[in-house]
Amino acid sequence: MTMGDRLRELRLKMNLSQEEVARQIGITRSAYSHYEINNRQPVYETLKKLAALFGVSLDYIIGGDQTRTETHVSPEAIEMIRLLNSMDQDKRKQSIDKMMAVIKQSETI
C-alpha cells in the first residue's frame, strides 16, 4: 500500500474531504490531492501534522509499519478541531483558554 493509499484510507475513515484535511494542516487542497495520488511527497512538518490529525504514527503513513498504531480520536474532538481552525487567532486563543480553565477546574473536583 502506498502512502497516498494510506492517506486516502485514513481521510475516508474520518469522513473528511480533501479540502477539510488541507485546511486543518495548513496546505492547499491541490497539494494534498497530489499526496493521495502519489505525485508529490509531503515535507516532514506536513507529515507530522497528518499523523497527528489522523492519530497514527509517521511510520504508518510512510509505509514502514504494516500495523497501524492508532490513537483514538473521538468525533467530538475532530469537530472541536474543525471549529477551532475556523476561528481567527484571537478567538481560537480565547476558546482554548476557556477550555483549559474548565479542565483545570474539573481536576480539582
PDB file of N, CA and C in Angstrom:
ATOM      1  N   MET A   1       0.851  -1.182   0.000  1.00  0.00           N
ATOM      2  CA  MET A   1       0.000   0.000   0.000  1.00  0.00           C
ATOM      3  C   MET A   1       0.894   1.241   0.000  1.00  0.00           C
ATOM      4  N   THR A   2       0.590   2.183  -0.893  1.00  0.00           N
ATOM      5  CA  THR A   2       1.393   3.400  -0.984  1.00  0.00           C
ATOM      6  C   THR A   2       0.987   4.401   0.090  1.00  0.00           C
ATOM      7  N   MET A   3       1.831   5.417   0.272  1.00  0.00           N
ATOM      8  CA  MET A   3       1.499   6.465   1.228  1.00  0.00           C
ATOM      9  C   MET A   3       0.203   7.162   0.813  1.00  0.00           C
ATOM     10  N   GLY A   4       0.022   7.409  -0.463  1.00  0.00           N
ATOM     11  CA  GLY A   4      -1.203   8.037  -0.938  1.00  0.00           C
ATOM     12  C   GLY A   4      -2.436   7.207  -0.611  1.00  0.00           C
ATOM     13  N   ASP A   5      -2.312   5.881  -0.779  1.00  0.00           N
ATOM     14  CA  ASP A   5      -3.423   4.986  -0.436  1.00  0.00           C
ATOM     15  C   ASP A   5      -3.762   5.084   1.042  1.00  0.00           C
ATOM     16  N   ARG A   6      -2.728   5.130   1.865  1.00  0.00           N
ATOM     17  CA  ARG A   6      -2.960   5.212   3.311  1.00  0.00           C
ATOM     18  C   ARG A   6      -3.602   6.538   3.696  1.00  0.00           C
ATOM     19  N   LEU A   7      -3.123   7.626   3.101  1.00  0.00           N
ATOM     20  CA  LEU A   7      -3.716   8.930   3.408  1.00  0.00           C
ATOM     21  C   LEU A   7      -5.191   8.952   3.012  1.00  0.00           C
ATOM     22  N   ARG A   8      -5.489   8.420   1.843  1.00  0.00           N
ATOM     23  CA  ARG A   8      -6.884   8.381   1.385  1.00  0.00           C
ATOM     24  C   ARG A   8      -7.726   7.522   2.333  1.00  0.00           C
ATOM     25  N   GLU A   9      -7.221   6.352   2.700  1.00  0.00           N
ATOM     26  CA  GLU A   9      -7.942   5.455   3.605  1.00  0.00           C
ATOM     27  C   GLU A   9      -8.228   6.135   4.947  1.00  0.00           C
ATOM     28  N   LEU A  10      -7.216   6.800   5.503  1.00  0.00           N
ATOM     29  CA  LEU A  10      -7.384   7.480   6.790  1.00  0.00           C
ATOM     30  C   LEU A  10      -8.384   8.627   6.684  1.00  0.00           C
ATOM     31  N   ARG A  11      -8.290   9.383   5.610  1.00  0.00           N
ATOM     32  CA  ARG A  11      -9.201  10.523   5.410  1.00  0.00           C
ATOM     33  C   ARG A  11     -10.649  10.046   5.304  1.00  0.00           C
ATOM     34  N   LEU A  12     -10.860   9.008   4.519  1.00  0.00           N
ATOM     35  CA  LEU A  12     -12.220   8.499   4.343  1.00  0.00           C
ATOM     36  C   LEU A  12     -12.766   7.893   5.630  1.00  0.00           C
ATOM     37  N   LYS A  13     -11.899   7.246   6.406  1.00  0.00           N
ATOM     38  CA  LYS A  13     -12.331   6.666   7.672  1.00  0.00           C
ATOM     39  C   LYS A  13     -12.874   7.757   8.607  1.00  0.00           C
ATOM     40  N   MET A  14     -12.292   8.939   8.525  1.00  0.00           N
ATOM     41  CA  MET A  14     -12.719  10.046   9.385  1.00  0.00           C
ATOM     42  C   MET A  14     -13.798  10.912   8.722  1.00  0.00           C
ATOM     43  N   ASN A  15     -14.271  10.485   7.547  1.00  0.00           N
ATOM     44  CA  ASN A  15     -15.302  11.237   6.815  1.00  0.00           C
ATOM     45  C   ASN A  15     -14.901  12.682   6.561  1.00  0.00           C
ATOM     46  N   LEU A  16     -13.663  12.882   6.160  1.00  0.00           N
ATOM     47  CA  LEU A  16     -13.178  14.222   5.854  1.00  0.00           C
ATOM     48  C   LEU A  16     -12.985  14.365   4.354  1.00  0.00           C
ATOM     49  N   SER A  17     -13.214  15.563   3.854  1.00  0.00           N
ATOM     50  CA  SER A  17     -12.911  15.847   2.454  1.00  0.00           C
ATOM     51  C   SER A  17     -11.438  16.220   2.340  1.00  0.00           C
ATOM     52  N   GLN A  18     -10.934  16.204   1.120  1.00  0.00           N
ATOM     53  CA  GLN A  18      -9.555  16.660   0.917  1.00  0.00           C
ATOM     54  C   GLN A  18      -9.417  18.107   1.357  1.00  0.00           C
ATOM     55  N   GLU A  19     -10.428  18.912   1.090  1.00  0.00           N
ATOM     56  CA  GLU A  19     -10.415  20.324   1.484  1.00  0.00           C
ATOM     57  C   GLU A  19     -10.299  20.472   2.998  1.00  0.00           C
ATOM     58  N   GLU A  20     -11.047  19.662   3.748  1.00  0.00           N
ATOM     59  CA  GLU A  20     -11.010  19.743   5.207  1.00  0.00           C
ATOM     60  C   GLU A  20      -9.638  19.344   5.744  1.00  0.00           C
ATOM     61  N   VAL A  21      -9.070  18.286   5.209  1.00  0.00           N
ATOM     62  CA  VAL A  21      -7.736  17.853   5.649  1.00  0.00           C
ATOM     63  C   VAL A  21      -6.729  18.954   5.350  1.00  0.00           C
ATOM     64  N   ALA A  22      -6.768  19.466   4.129  1.00  0.00           N
ATOM     65  CA  ALA A  22      -5.818  20.509   3.727  1.00  0.00           C
ATOM     66  C   ALA A  22      -5.917  21.729   4.628  1.00  0.00           C
ATOM     67  N   ARG A  23      -7.136  22.158   4.918  1.00  0.00           N
ATOM     68  CA  ARG A  23      -7.332  23.337   5.767  1.00  0.00           C
ATOM     69  C   ARG A  23      -6.785  23.082   7.175  1.00  0.00           C
ATOM     70  N   GLN A  24      -7.036  21.887   7.705  1.00  0.00           N
ATOM     71  CA  GLN A  24      -6.601  21.586   9.069  1.00  0.00           C
ATOM     72  C   GLN A  24      -5.083  21.504   9.209  1.00  0.00           C
ATOM     73  N   ILE A  25      -4.392  21.145   8.122  1.00  0.00           N
ATOM     74  CA  ILE A  25      -2.926  21.063   8.230  1.00  0.00           C
ATOM     75  C   ILE A  25      -2.225  22.249   7.577  1.00  0.00           C
ATOM     76  N   GLY A  26      -3.002  23.175   7.033  1.00  0.00           N
ATOM     77  CA  GLY A  26      -2.425  24.423   6.530  1.00  0.00           C
ATOM     78  C   GLY A  26      -1.809  24.356   5.149  1.00  0.00           C
ATOM     79  N   ILE A  27      -2.397  23.555   4.253  1.00  0.00           N
ATOM     80  CA  ILE A  27      -1.920  23.499   2.866  1.00  0.00           C
ATOM     81  C   ILE A  27      -3.126  23.650   1.939  1.00  0.00           C
ATOM     82  N   THR A  28      -2.877  23.689   0.647  1.00  0.00           N
ATOM     83  CA  THR A  28      -3.981  23.775  -0.308  1.00  0.00           C
ATOM     84  C   THR A  28      -4.560  22.388  -0.574  1.00  0.00           C
ATOM     85  N   ARG A  29      -5.808  22.370  -1.038  1.00  0.00           N
ATOM     86  CA  ARG A  29      -6.427  21.101  -1.392  1.00  0.00           C
ATOM     87  C   ARG A  29      -5.676  20.435  -2.538  1.00  0.00           C
ATOM     88  N   SER A  30      -5.212  21.251  -3.461  1.00  0.00           N
ATOM     89  CA  SER A  30      -4.460  20.733  -4.600  1.00  0.00           C
ATOM     90  C   SER A  30      -3.188  20.013  -4.143  1.00  0.00           C
ATOM     91  N   ALA A  31      -2.470  20.634  -3.219  1.00  0.00           N
ATOM     92  CA  ALA A  31      -1.240  19.999  -2.710  1.00  0.00           C
ATOM     93  C   ALA A  31      -1.573  18.669  -2.040  1.00  0.00           C
ATOM     94  N   TYR A  32      -2.633  18.670  -1.214  1.00  0.00           N
ATOM     95  CA  TYR A  32      -2.997  17.426  -0.534  1.00  0.00           C
ATOM     96  C   TYR A  32      -3.404  16.349  -1.535  1.00  0.00           C
ATOM     97  N   SER A  33      -4.153  16.722  -2.561  1.00  0.00           N
ATOM     98  CA  SER A  33      -4.601  15.727  -3.537  1.00  0.00           C
ATOM     99  C   SER A  33      -3.411  15.074  -4.237  1.00  0.00           C
ATOM    100  N   HIS A  34      -2.340  15.835  -4.442  1.00  0.00           N
ATOM    101  CA  HIS A  34      -1.128  15.261  -5.043  1.00  0.00           C
ATOM    102  C   HIS A  34      -0.500  14.203  -4.138  1.00  0.00           C
ATOM    103  N   TYR A  35      -0.629  14.363  -2.827  1.00  0.00           N
ATOM    104  CA  TYR A  35      -0.118  13.345  -1.906  1.00  0.00           C
ATOM    105  C   TYR A  35      -0.903  12.052  -2.063  1.00  0.00           C
ATOM    106  N   GLU A  36      -2.224  12.162  -2.173  1.00  0.00           N
ATOM    107  CA  GLU A  36      -3.062  10.962  -2.270  1.00  0.00           C
ATOM    108  C   GLU A  36      -2.851  10.207  -3.577  1.00  0.00           C
ATOM    109  N   ILE A  37      -2.506  10.911  -4.646  1.00  0.00           N
ATOM    110  CA  ILE A  37      -2.288  10.216  -5.915  1.00  0.00           C
ATOM    111  C   ILE A  37      -0.798   9.962  -6.173  1.00  0.00           C
ATOM    112  N   ASN A  38       0.014  10.177  -5.157  1.00  0.00           N
ATOM    113  CA  ASN A  38       1.450   9.872  -5.191  1.00  0.00           C
ATOM    114  C   ASN A  38       2.229  10.655  -6.243  1.00  0.00           C
ATOM    115  N   ASN A  39       1.771  11.887  -6.529  1.00  0.00           N
ATOM    116  CA  ASN A  39       2.523  12.756  -7.427  1.00  0.00           C
ATOM    117  C   ASN A  39       3.573  13.568  -6.686  1.00  0.00           C
ATOM    118  N   ARG A  40       3.353  13.773  -5.402  1.00  0.00           N
ATOM    119  CA  ARG A  40       4.290  14.532  -4.560  1.00  0.00           C
ATOM    120  C   ARG A  40       4.406  13.865  -3.210  1.00  0.00           C
ATOM    121  N   GLN A  41       5.497  14.174  -2.531  1.00  0.00           N
ATOM    122  CA  GLN A  41       5.723  13.676  -1.176  1.00  0.00           C
ATOM    123  C   GLN A  41       5.675  14.865  -0.214  1.00  0.00           C
ATOM    124  N   PRO A  42       4.933  14.744   0.883  1.00  0.00           N
ATOM    125  CA  PRO A  42       4.883  15.858   1.838  1.00  0.00           C
ATOM    126  C   PRO A  42       6.211  16.037   2.566  1.00  0.00           C
ATOM    127  N   VAL A  43       6.491  17.264   2.965  1.00  0.00           N
ATOM    128  CA  VAL A  43       7.676  17.540   3.769  1.00  0.00           C
ATOM    129  C   VAL A  43       7.438  17.022   5.183  1.00  0.00           C
ATOM    130  N   TYR A  44       8.502  16.930   5.956  1.00  0.00           N
ATOM    131  CA  TYR A  44       8.438  16.353   7.302  1.00  0.00           C
ATOM    132  C   TYR A  44       7.390  17.024   8.182  1.00  0.00           C
ATOM    133  N   GLU A  45       7.353  18.349   8.193  1.00  0.00           N
ATOM    134  CA  GLU A  45       6.389  19.067   9.042  1.00  0.00           C
ATOM    135  C   GLU A  45       4.954  18.720   8.663  1.00  0.00           C
ATOM    136  N   THR A  46       4.690  18.597   7.379  1.00  0.00           N
ATOM    137  CA  THR A  46       3.352  18.225   6.923  1.00  0.00           C
ATOM    138  C   THR A  46       3.034  16.789   7.320  1.00  0.00           C
ATOM    139  N   LEU A  47       4.013  15.901   7.221  1.00  0.00           N
ATOM    140  CA  LEU A  47       3.811  14.520   7.658  1.00  0.00           C
ATOM    141  C   LEU A  47       3.442  14.459   9.136  1.00  0.00           C
ATOM    142  N   LYS A  48       4.113  15.263   9.957  1.00  0.00           N
ATOM    143  CA  LYS A  48       3.800  15.290  11.394  1.00  0.00           C
ATOM    144  C   LYS A  48       2.368  15.748  11.625  1.00  0.00           C
ATOM    145  N   LYS A  49       1.938  16.768  10.894  1.00  0.00           N
ATOM    146  CA  LYS A  49       0.572  17.272  11.040  1.00  0.00           C
ATOM    147  C   LYS A  49      -0.444  16.217  10.607  1.00  0.00           C
ATOM    148  N   LEU A  50      -0.148  15.510   9.526  1.00  0.00           N
ATOM    149  CA  LEU A  50      -1.055  14.459   9.056  1.00  0.00           C
ATOM    150  C   LEU A  50      -1.157  13.330  10.076  1.00  0.00           C
ATOM    151  N   ALA A  51      -0.021  12.924  10.627  1.00  0.00           N
ATOM    152  CA  ALA A  51      -0.031  11.849  11.632  1.00  0.00           C
ATOM    153  C   ALA A  51      -0.848  12.261  12.850  1.00  0.00           C
ATOM    154  N   ALA A  52      -0.685  13.506  13.284  1.00  0.00           N
ATOM    155  CA  ALA A  52      -1.441  13.993  14.445  1.00  0.00           C
ATOM    156  C   ALA A  52      -2.933  14.059  14.120  1.00  0.00           C
ATOM    157  N   LEU A  53      -3.271  14.567  12.962  1.00  0.00           N
ATOM    158  CA  LEU A  53      -4.671  14.684  12.574  1.00  0.00           C
ATOM    159  C   LEU A  53      -5.342  13.310  12.520  1.00  0.00           C
ATOM    160  N   PHE A  54      -4.656  12.336  11.920  1.00  0.00           N
ATOM    161  CA  PHE A  54      -5.241  11.015  11.745  1.00  0.00           C
ATOM    162  C   PHE A  54      -5.023  10.090  12.941  1.00  0.00           C
ATOM    163  N   GLY A  55      -4.213  10.517  13.899  1.00  0.00           N
ATOM    164  CA  GLY A  55      -3.985   9.709  15.089  1.00  0.00           C
ATOM    165  C   GLY A  55      -3.195   8.446  14.825  1.00  0.00           C
ATOM    166  N   VAL A  56      -2.225   8.526  13.922  1.00  0.00           N
ATOM    167  CA  VAL A  56      -1.379   7.369  13.607  1.00  0.00           C
ATOM    168  C   VAL A  56       0.088   7.791  13.661  1.00  0.00           C
ATOM    169  N   SER A  57       0.966   6.804  13.588  1.00  0.00           N
ATOM    170  CA  SER A  57       2.398   7.101  13.609  1.00  0.00           C
ATOM    171  C   SER A  57       2.869   7.571  12.229  1.00  0.00           C
ATOM    172  N   LEU A  58       3.975   8.306  12.219  1.00  0.00           N
ATOM    173  CA  LEU A  58       4.610   8.683  10.949  1.00  0.00           C
ATOM    174  C   LEU A  58       4.980   7.433  10.169  1.00  0.00           C
ATOM    175  N   ASP A  59       5.474   6.448  10.884  1.00  0.00           N
ATOM    176  CA  ASP A  59       5.881   5.199  10.261  1.00  0.00           C
ATOM    177  C   ASP A  59       4.725   4.565   9.498  1.00  0.00           C
ATOM    178  N   TYR A  60       3.547   4.588  10.077  1.00  0.00           N
ATOM    179  CA  TYR A  60       2.384   4.006   9.400  1.00  0.00           C
ATOM    180  C   TYR A  60       2.080   4.765   8.106  1.00  0.00           C
ATOM    181  N   ILE A  61       2.124   6.081   8.152  1.00  0.00           N
ATOM    182  CA  ILE A  61       1.804   6.876   6.959  1.00  0.00           C
ATOM    183  C   ILE A  61       2.785   6.595   5.832  1.00  0.00           C
ATOM    184  N   ILE A  62       4.065   6.537   6.137  1.00  0.00           N
ATOM    185  CA  ILE A  62       5.050   6.363   5.060  1.00  0.00           C
ATOM    186  C   ILE A  62       5.201   4.911   4.628  1.00  0.00           C
ATOM    187  N   GLY A  63       4.537   3.994   5.321  1.00  0.00           N
ATOM    188  CA  GLY A  63       4.522   2.614   4.860  1.00  0.00           C
ATOM    189  C   GLY A  63       5.530   1.694   5.500  1.00  0.00           C
ATOM    190  N   GLY A  64       6.253   2.165   6.510  1.00  0.00           N
ATOM    191  CA  GLY A  64       7.274   1.337   7.133  1.00  0.00           C
ATOM    192  C   GLY A  64       6.727   0.258   8.044  1.00  0.00           C
ATOM    193  N   ASP A  65       5.594   0.511   8.666  1.00  0.00           N
ATOM    194  CA  ASP A  65       4.994  -0.434   9.604  1.00  0.00           C
ATOM    195  C   ASP A  65       3.635  -0.828   9.058  1.00  0.00           C
ATOM    196  N   GLN A  66       3.461  -2.092   8.793  1.00  0.00           N
ATOM    197  CA  GLN A  66       2.209  -2.547   8.214  1.00  0.00           C
ATOM    198  C   GLN A  66       1.062  -2.564   9.221  1.00  0.00           C
ATOM    199  N   THR A  67       1.386  -2.544  10.517  1.00  0.00           N
ATOM    200  CA  THR A  67       0.330  -2.481  11.521  1.00  0.00           C
ATOM    201  C   THR A  67       0.108  -1.029  11.898  1.00  0.00           C
ATOM    202  N   ARG A  68      -1.107  -0.710  12.154  1.00  0.00           N
ATOM    203  CA  ARG A  68      -1.461   0.674  12.435  1.00  0.00           C
ATOM    204  C   ARG A  68      -1.407   0.930  13.922  1.00  0.00           C
ATOM    205  N   THR A  69      -0.592   1.897  14.328  1.00  0.00           N
ATOM    206  CA  THR A  69      -0.570   2.363  15.706  1.00  0.00           C
ATOM    207  C   THR A  69      -1.492   3.563  15.745  1.00  0.00           C
ATOM    208  N   GLU A  70      -2.618   3.384  16.398  1.00  0.00           N
ATOM    209  CA  GLU A  70      -3.652   4.401  16.321  1.00  0.00           C
ATOM    210  C   GLU A  70      -3.966   4.986  17.685  1.00  0.00           C
ATOM    211  N   THR A  71      -4.165   6.263  17.695  1.00  0.00           N
ATOM    212  CA  THR A  71      -4.664   6.955  18.871  1.00  0.00           C
ATOM    213  C   THR A  71      -6.123   7.251  18.590  1.00  0.00           C
ATOM    214  N   HIS A  72      -6.995   6.881  19.509  1.00  0.00           N
ATOM    215  CA  HIS A  72      -8.418   7.128  19.280  1.00  0.00           C
ATOM    216  C   HIS A  72      -8.696   8.627  19.308  1.00  0.00           C
ATOM    217  N   VAL A  73      -9.321   9.097  18.263  1.00  0.00           N
ATOM    218  CA  VAL A  73      -9.744  10.489  18.186  1.00  0.00           C
ATOM    219  C   VAL A  73     -11.258  10.465  18.044  1.00  0.00           C
ATOM    220  N   SER A  74     -11.947  10.993  19.032  1.00  0.00           N
ATOM    221  CA  SER A  74     -13.411  10.955  19.033  1.00  0.00           C
ATOM    222  C   SER A  74     -13.974  11.921  17.994  1.00  0.00           C
ATOM    223  N   PRO A  75     -15.193  11.652  17.545  1.00  0.00           N
ATOM    224  CA  PRO A  75     -15.849  12.591  16.619  1.00  0.00           C
ATOM    225  C   PRO A  75     -15.962  13.995  17.218  1.00  0.00           C
ATOM    226  N   GLU A  76     -16.162  14.064  18.548  1.00  0.00           N
ATOM    227  CA  GLU A  76     -16.250  15.371  19.207  1.00  0.00           C
ATOM    228  C   GLU A  76     -14.928  16.126  19.115  1.00  0.00           C
ATOM    229  N   ALA A  77     -13.816  15.407  19.264  1.00  0.00           N
ATOM    230  CA  ALA A  77     -12.503  16.048  19.170  1.00  0.00           C
ATOM    231  C   ALA A  77     -12.255  16.562  17.758  1.00  0.00           C
ATOM    232  N   ILE A  78     -12.651  15.782  16.774  1.00  0.00           N
ATOM    233  CA  ILE A  78     -12.491  16.209  15.383  1.00  0.00           C
ATOM    234  C   ILE A  78     -13.314  17.468  15.125  1.00  0.00           C
ATOM    235  N   GLU A  79     -14.542  17.490  15.638  1.00  0.00           N
ATOM    236  CA  GLU A  79     -15.393  18.669  15.469  1.00  0.00           C
ATOM    237  C   GLU A  79     -14.795  19.888  16.172  1.00  0.00           C
ATOM    238  N   MET A  80     -14.221  19.674  17.365  1.00  0.00           N
ATOM    239  CA  MET A  80     -13.572  20.785  18.077  1.00  0.00           C
ATOM    240  C   MET A  80     -12.415  21.347  17.248  1.00  0.00           C
ATOM    241  N   ILE A  81     -11.629  20.475  16.648  1.00  0.00           N
ATOM    242  CA  ILE A  81     -10.517  20.925  15.812  1.00  0.00           C
ATOM    243  C   ILE A  81     -11.040  21.722  14.630  1.00  0.00           C
ATOM    244  N   ARG A  82     -12.094  21.233  13.998  1.00  0.00           N
ATOM    245  CA  ARG A  82     -12.684  21.966  12.868  1.00  0.00           C
ATOM    246  C   ARG A  82     -13.140  23.356  13.299  1.00  0.00           C
ATOM    247  N   LEU A  83     -13.834  23.420  14.439  1.00  0.00           N
ATOM    248  CA  LEU A  83     -14.318  24.713  14.918  1.00  0.00           C
ATOM    249  C   LEU A  83     -13.167  25.652  15.250  1.00  0.00           C
ATOM    250  N   LEU A  84     -12.173  25.133  15.946  1.00  0.00           N
ATOM    251  CA  LEU A  84     -11.026  25.970  16.306  1.00  0.00           C
ATOM    252  C   LEU A  84     -10.292  26.467  15.064  1.00  0.00           C
ATOM    253  N   ASN A  85     -10.135  25.607  14.076  1.00  0.00           N
ATOM    254  CA  ASN A  85      -9.442  26.004  12.856  1.00  0.00           C
ATOM    255  C   ASN A  85     -10.212  27.032  12.050  1.00  0.00           C
ATOM    256  N   SER A  86     -11.517  27.101  12.246  1.00  0.00           N
ATOM    257  CA  SER A  86     -12.318  28.074  11.503  1.00  0.00           C
ATOM    258  C   SER A  86     -12.297  29.461  12.151  1.00  0.00           C
ATOM    259  N   MET A  87     -11.775  29.557  13.382  1.00  0.00           N
ATOM    260  CA  MET A  87     -11.754  30.832  14.112  1.00  0.00           C
ATOM    261  C   MET A  87     -10.507  31.638  13.777  1.00  0.00           C
ATOM    262  N   ASP A  88     -10.622  32.953  13.983  1.00  0.00           N
ATOM    263  CA  ASP A  88      -9.416  33.758  13.860  1.00  0.00           C
ATOM    264  C   ASP A  88      -8.534  33.486  15.091  1.00  0.00           C
ATOM    265  N   GLN A  89      -7.312  33.917  15.033  1.00  0.00           N
ATOM    266  CA  GLN A  89      -6.322  33.582  16.064  1.00  0.00           C
ATOM    267  C   GLN A  89      -6.754  34.018  17.468  1.00  0.00           C
ATOM    268  N   ASP A  90      -7.320  35.208  17.598  1.00  0.00           N
ATOM    269  CA  ASP A  90      -7.723  35.698  18.920  1.00  0.00           C
ATOM    270  C   ASP A  90      -8.855  34.864  19.514  1.00  0.00           C
ATOM    271  N   LYS A  91      -9.871  34.579  18.711  1.00  0.00           N
ATOM    272  CA  LYS A  91     -10.996  33.774  19.209  1.00  0.00           C
ATOM    273  C   LYS A  91     -10.541  32.357  19.540  1.00  0.00           C
ATOM    274  N   ARG A  92      -9.636  31.815  18.723  1.00  0.00           N
ATOM    275  CA  ARG A  92      -9.115  30.471  18.988  1.00  0.00           C
ATOM    276  C   ARG A  92      -8.390  30.443  20.325  1.00  0.00           C
ATOM    277  N   LYS A  93      -7.562  31.456  20.596  1.00  0.00           N
ATOM    278  CA  LYS A  93      -6.829  31.503  21.866  1.00  0.00           C
ATOM    279  C   LYS A  93      -7.793  31.639  23.038  1.00  0.00           C
ATOM    280  N   GLN A  94      -8.801  32.502  22.912  1.00  0.00           N
ATOM    281  CA  GLN A  94      -9.793  32.672  23.979  1.00  0.00           C
ATOM    282  C   GLN A  94     -10.527  31.358  24.250  1.00  0.00           C
ATOM    283  N   SER A  95     -10.912  30.670  23.197  1.00  0.00           N
ATOM    284  CA  SER A  95     -11.634  29.400  23.349  1.00  0.00           C
ATOM    285  C   SER A  95     -10.762  28.349  24.027  1.00  0.00           C
ATOM    286  N   ILE A  96      -9.520  28.256  23.621  1.00  0.00           N
ATOM    287  CA  ILE A  96      -8.603  27.282  24.233  1.00  0.00           C
ATOM    288  C   ILE A  96      -8.370  27.624  25.694  1.00  0.00           C
ATOM    289  N   ASP A  97      -8.197  28.903  26.003  1.00  0.00           N
ATOM    290  CA  ASP A  97      -8.020  29.315  27.397  1.00  0.00           C
ATOM    291  C   ASP A  97      -9.231  28.926  28.248  1.00  0.00           C
ATOM    292  N   LYS A  98     -10.437  29.107  27.707  1.00  0.00           N
ATOM    293  CA  LYS A  98     -11.654  28.739  28.444  1.00  0.00           C
ATOM    294  C   LYS A  98     -11.731  27.225  28.649  1.00  0.00           C
ATOM    295  N   MET A  99     -11.398  26.467  27.612  1.00  0.00           N
ATOM    296  CA  MET A  99     -11.417  25.006  27.755  1.00  0.00           C
ATOM    297  C   MET A  99     -10.400  24.542  28.792  1.00  0.00           C
ATOM    298  N   MET A 100      -9.235  25.137  28.788  1.00  0.00           N
ATOM    299  CA  MET A 100      -8.201  24.768  29.768  1.00  0.00           C
ATOM    300  C   MET A 100      -8.653  25.085  31.188  1.00  0.00           C
ATOM    301  N   ALA A 101      -9.340  26.206  31.354  1.00  0.00           N
ATOM    302  CA  ALA A 101      -9.860  26.570  32.686  1.00  0.00           C
ATOM    303  C   ALA A 101     -10.883  25.556  33.166  1.00  0.00           C
ATOM    304  N   VAL A 102     -11.763  25.120  32.269  1.00  0.00           N
ATOM    305  CA  VAL A 102     -12.758  24.099  32.639  1.00  0.00           C
ATOM    306  C   VAL A 102     -12.081  22.798  32.991  1.00  0.00           C
ATOM    307  N   ILE A 103     -11.079  22.401  32.235  1.00  0.00           N
ATOM    308  CA  ILE A 103     -10.353  21.155  32.520  1.00  0.00           C
ATOM    309  C   ILE A 103      -9.657  21.246  33.870  1.00  0.00           C
ATOM    310  N   LYS A 104      -8.981  22.349  34.142  1.00  0.00           N
ATOM    311  CA  LYS A 104      -8.297  22.505  35.434  1.00  0.00           C
ATOM    312  C   LYS A 104      -9.283  22.487  36.584  1.00  0.00           C
ATOM    313  N   GLN A 105     -10.436  23.119  36.388  1.00  0.00           N
ATOM    314  CA  GLN A 105     -11.452  23.149  37.425  1.00  0.00           C
ATOM    315  C   GLN A 105     -11.986  21.738  37.700  1.00  0.00           C
ATOM    316  N   SER A 106     -12.175  20.956  36.655  1.00  0.00           N
ATOM    317  CA  SER A 106     -12.710  19.596  36.843  1.00  0.00           C
ATOM    318  C   SER A 106     -11.686  18.680  37.522  1.00  0.00           C
ATOM    319  N   GLU A 107     -10.406  18.993  37.381  1.00  0.00           N
ATOM    320  CA  GLU A 107      -9.358  18.185  38.034  1.00  0.00           C
ATOM    321  C   GLU A 107      -9.340  18.389  39.531  1.00  0.00           C
ATOM    322  N   THR A 108      -9.815  19.529  39.994  1.00  0.00           N
ATOM    323  CA  THR A 108      -9.799  19.828  41.425  1.00  0.00           C
ATOM    324  C   THR A 108     -11.042  19.314  42.147  1.00  0.00           C
ATOM    325  N   ILE A 109     -12.002  18.862  41.381  1.00  0.00           N
ATOM    326  CA  ILE A 109     -13.272  18.385  41.982  1.00  0.00           C
ATOM    327  C   ILE A 109     -13.126  16.935  42.396  1.00  0.00           C
TER     328      ILE A 109
END
